[in-house]
Amino acid sequence: MIEQLLQFAQNHPLLVGAFVALLVALIVMETMRGNHGVSVSEATRLVNREEGVFIDIRDSKEFKAGHIAGAVNVPSSQLTSETTPLAKYKERPVIIVCKHGQTAGPLVARLEKDGFKQAVKLKGGMGQWEADSLPVVTR
């Protein structure tokens, strides 16, 4: 197996070089992003013990279909360059919840720049919350 891999690398140096470059770029981008989020259990600990708040950035239709109890819905479309709707939570842990945990990262970075002391994203978003069979509220 290793011999075949080495032979492939010798026969296709440009392809292997492109793969390695893309892999390095992906690793660099992920490490530069920083805040990789908190697990569901860590998020619930932040809310229960440190008066944290879940901020759900999905649109209101998705939010009404099912959300974390006590979560505040501030759709990402309403969050412009200013984070004024979230200003009252500046001193508390803020857990940003999106659909799958992928769109919350840039907002967390912006919140950190705006002085939020404990802004994190929920790893896996609502998808992970539901996959862990945790309670969801509809109203």
Protein backbone atom coordinates (compact mmCIF):
# COMPACT_ATOMS: atom_id res chain seq x y z
CA MET A 1 0.00 0.00 0.00
CA ILE A 2 2.77 2.45 0.95
CA GLU A 3 4.72 1.49 -2.16
CA GLN A 4 1.71 2.28 -4.34
CA LEU A 5 1.26 5.63 -2.61
CA LEU A 6 4.91 6.55 -3.15
CA GLN A 7 4.74 5.44 -6.78
CA PHE A 8 1.61 7.57 -7.29
CA ALA A 9 3.37 10.57 -5.70
CA GLN A 10 6.36 10.09 -8.03
CA ASN A 11 4.16 9.80 -11.11
CA HIS A 12 1.91 12.76 -10.24
CA PRO A 13 3.98 15.40 -8.42
CA LEU A 14 1.71 18.32 -9.40
CA LEU A 15 -1.41 16.59 -8.14
CA VAL A 16 0.23 15.60 -4.88
CA GLY A 17 1.68 19.10 -4.47
CA ALA A 18 -1.75 20.68 -5.01
CA PHE A 19 -3.27 18.32 -2.45
CA VAL A 20 -0.63 19.13 0.14
CA ALA A 21 -1.02 22.89 -0.48
CA LEU A 22 -4.79 22.67 -0.04
CA LEU A 23 -4.41 20.61 3.11
CA VAL A 24 -1.98 23.12 4.62
CA ALA A 25 -4.28 26.02 3.66
CA LEU A 26 -7.24 24.30 5.31
CA ILE A 27 -5.30 23.68 8.51
CA VAL A 28 -4.06 27.29 8.62
CA MET A 29 -7.57 28.67 8.05
CA GLU A 30 -9.06 26.51 10.79
CA THR A 31 -6.41 27.48 13.32
CA MET A 32 -6.71 31.17 12.47
CA ARG A 33 -10.45 31.02 13.04
CA GLY A 34 -9.77 30.38 16.69
CA ASN A 35 -12.99 29.84 18.60
CA HIS A 36 -14.00 26.33 17.60
CA GLY A 37 -17.03 26.43 19.84
CA VAL A 38 -18.27 24.64 22.89
CA SER A 39 -19.98 21.30 23.19
CA VAL A 40 -23.63 20.99 24.11
CA SER A 41 -22.75 20.03 27.69
CA GLU A 42 -20.34 22.95 28.08
CA ALA A 43 -22.97 25.32 26.67
CA THR A 44 -25.60 24.15 29.15
CA ARG A 45 -23.05 24.57 31.95
CA LEU A 46 -22.41 28.16 30.86
CA VAL A 47 -26.13 28.90 30.89
CA ASN A 48 -26.92 27.13 34.16
CA ARG A 49 -23.91 28.18 36.25
CA GLU A 50 -22.71 31.43 34.71
CA GLU A 51 -26.00 33.00 33.59
CA GLY A 52 -25.13 32.56 29.93
CA VAL A 53 -27.63 33.09 27.16
CA PHE A 54 -28.30 31.24 23.93
CA ILE A 55 -28.57 33.58 20.92
CA ASP A 56 -30.24 31.78 18.02
CA ILE A 57 -29.30 33.45 14.72
CA ARG A 58 -31.55 31.33 12.51
CA ASP A 59 -34.48 33.03 10.82
CA SER A 60 -37.67 33.37 12.83
CA LYS A 61 -39.48 30.62 10.90
CA GLU A 62 -36.81 28.06 11.84
CA PHE A 63 -36.72 29.41 15.39
CA LYS A 64 -40.47 28.95 15.84
CA ALA A 65 -40.26 25.40 14.45
CA GLY A 66 -37.99 24.44 17.36
CA HIS A 67 -35.40 26.12 19.55
CA ILE A 68 -33.54 25.80 22.83
CA ALA A 69 -35.62 26.85 25.84
CA GLY A 70 -34.76 30.40 26.87
CA ALA A 71 -32.93 31.18 23.63
CA VAL A 72 -33.18 34.68 22.21
CA ASN A 73 -33.85 34.90 18.47
CA VAL A 74 -31.82 37.52 16.67
CA PRO A 75 -31.74 36.48 13.00
CA SER A 76 -28.37 36.97 11.35
CA SER A 77 -30.09 39.12 8.73
CA GLN A 78 -30.82 41.67 11.49
CA LEU A 79 -27.22 41.74 12.65
CA THR A 80 -25.44 44.33 10.60
CA SER A 81 -21.96 45.61 11.40
CA GLU A 82 -23.28 46.73 14.78
CA THR A 83 -24.23 44.26 17.49
CA THR A 84 -26.56 46.60 19.39
CA PRO A 85 -29.36 44.01 19.79
CA LEU A 86 -26.88 41.93 21.78
CA ALA A 87 -25.26 44.76 23.78
CA LYS A 88 -27.19 43.94 26.96
CA TYR A 89 -25.50 40.52 27.06
CA LYS A 90 -21.95 41.90 26.82
CA GLU A 91 -20.89 40.84 30.32
CA ARG A 92 -22.51 37.39 30.20
CA PRO A 93 -21.47 34.24 28.36
CA VAL A 94 -23.12 34.32 24.93
CA ILE A 95 -23.58 31.06 23.03
CA ILE A 96 -24.35 31.65 19.35
CA VAL A 97 -26.58 28.97 17.84
CA CYS A 98 -27.04 28.48 14.10
CA LYS A 99 -28.39 25.58 12.08
CA HIS A 100 -25.28 23.39 11.87
CA GLY A 101 -22.58 25.35 13.72
CA GLN A 102 -20.92 26.71 10.60
CA THR A 103 -22.30 30.23 10.19
CA ALA A 104 -21.88 31.32 13.81
CA GLY A 105 -18.07 31.63 13.67
CA PRO A 106 -17.81 35.04 11.96
CA LEU A 107 -20.39 36.50 14.35
CA VAL A 108 -18.44 35.21 17.35
CA ALA A 109 -15.27 36.83 15.99
CA ARG A 110 -17.13 40.13 15.54
CA LEU A 111 -18.58 39.94 19.05
CA GLU A 112 -15.11 39.36 20.49
CA LYS A 113 -13.85 42.45 18.63
CA ASP A 114 -16.82 44.41 20.02
CA GLY A 115 -15.78 43.60 23.58
CA PHE A 116 -17.90 40.56 24.43
CA LYS A 117 -15.90 38.73 27.06
CA GLN A 118 -17.33 35.24 26.57
CA ALA A 119 -18.76 34.79 23.08
CA VAL A 120 -18.69 31.23 21.74
CA LYS A 121 -20.55 29.18 19.19
CA LEU A 122 -22.38 25.93 19.79
CA LYS A 123 -20.51 23.12 18.05
CA GLY A 124 -22.86 21.48 15.58
CA GLY A 125 -25.56 24.10 16.18
CA MET A 126 -29.20 23.07 16.52
CA GLY A 127 -28.45 19.94 14.53
CA GLN A 128 -26.16 18.69 17.30
CA TRP A 129 -28.60 19.79 20.02
CA GLU A 130 -31.37 17.74 18.40
CA ALA A 131 -29.04 14.82 17.64
CA ASP A 132 -28.25 14.64 21.36
CA SER A 133 -32.03 14.35 22.00
CA LEU A 134 -32.10 17.50 24.11
CA PRO A 135 -35.38 19.36 24.63
CA VAL A 136 -36.62 21.74 21.98
CA VAL A 137 -39.37 24.32 22.51
CA THR A 138 -41.90 25.34 19.87
CA ARG A 139 -44.16 28.36 20.16
